[in-house]
């Protein structure tokens, strides 16, 4: 196993999930503060779904690279 290859992708899933968490907190705040939030809610939901899928793809790639 190559250590450089193994550690290169470690930060990506964590940062994607952190960004998804920030989007979730932002949607709650926008729902409380903005009257027209219902019109743009789907955009945030699709963004979070995309980030979750990208996290899965990164982890699957990492497992494939680390295979002996």
Protein backbone atom coordinates (compact mmCIF):
# COMPACT_ATOMS: atom_id res chain seq x y z
CA UNK A 1 0.00 0.00 0.00
CA UNK A 2 1.34 3.39 -0.96
CA UNK A 3 1.10 5.82 1.96
CA UNK A 4 0.90 8.87 -0.30
CA UNK A 5 -2.03 7.40 -2.21
CA UNK A 6 -3.71 6.30 1.00
CA UNK A 7 -3.62 9.70 2.70
CA UNK A 8 -4.27 11.82 -0.37
CA UNK A 9 -8.05 11.23 -0.39
CA UNK A 10 -8.65 11.29 3.38
CA UNK A 11 -9.56 14.97 3.59
CA UNK A 12 -12.10 14.90 0.73
CA UNK A 13 -14.99 12.89 2.33
CA UNK A 14 -14.63 14.82 5.58
CA UNK A 15 -14.75 18.17 3.82
CA UNK A 16 -17.74 17.12 1.68
CA UNK A 17 -19.69 16.00 4.73
CA UNK A 18 -18.76 19.19 6.59
CA UNK A 19 -20.00 21.24 3.65
CA UNK A 20 -23.25 19.23 3.62
CA UNK A 21 -23.69 19.93 7.33
CA UNK A 22 -23.18 23.65 6.74
CA UNK A 23 -25.79 23.59 3.97
CA UNK A 24 -28.20 21.85 6.35
CA UNK A 25 -27.70 24.51 9.02
CA UNK A 26 -28.08 27.23 6.39
CA UNK A 27 -31.39 25.75 5.19
CA UNK A 28 -32.78 25.79 8.73
CA UNK A 29 -31.76 29.43 9.17
CA UNK A 30 -33.17 30.42 5.78
CA UNK A 31 -36.43 28.65 6.59
CA UNK A 32 -36.74 30.71 9.74
CA UNK A 33 -35.70 34.05 8.25
CA UNK A 34 -36.90 34.03 4.64
CA UNK A 35 -40.55 34.06 3.59
CA UNK A 36 -39.85 32.82 0.05
CA UNK A 37 -37.62 29.91 1.09
CA UNK A 38 -40.10 27.29 -0.16
CA UNK A 39 -39.34 28.35 -3.74
CA UNK A 40 -35.62 27.51 -3.47
CA UNK A 41 -35.73 24.61 -1.02
CA UNK A 42 -35.29 21.95 -3.73
CA UNK A 43 -31.97 23.48 -4.78
CA UNK A 44 -30.53 22.94 -1.32
CA UNK A 45 -31.91 19.39 -1.12
CA UNK A 46 -30.32 18.46 -4.47
CA UNK A 47 -27.04 20.02 -3.34
CA UNK A 48 -26.93 17.94 -0.17
CA UNK A 49 -27.86 14.79 -2.09
CA UNK A 50 -25.05 15.46 -4.56
CA UNK A 51 -22.53 15.94 -1.74
CA UNK A 52 -23.60 12.69 -0.09
CA UNK A 53 -23.17 10.83 -3.38
CA UNK A 54 -19.75 12.38 -3.96
CA UNK A 55 -18.70 11.31 -0.47
CA UNK A 56 -19.76 7.73 -1.23
CA UNK A 57 -17.84 7.76 -4.52
CA UNK A 58 -14.69 9.07 -2.78
CA UNK A 59 -14.89 6.40 -0.10
CA UNK A 60 -15.46 3.66 -2.69
CA UNK A 61 -12.44 4.90 -4.61
CA UNK A 62 -10.37 4.93 -1.44
CA UNK A 63 -11.33 1.33 -0.65
CA UNK A 64 -10.42 0.30 -4.17
CA UNK A 65 -7.01 2.00 -3.99
CA UNK A 66 -6.18 0.54 -0.57
CA UNK A 67 -6.98 -3.03 -1.65
CA UNK A 68 -3.87 -5.21 -1.30
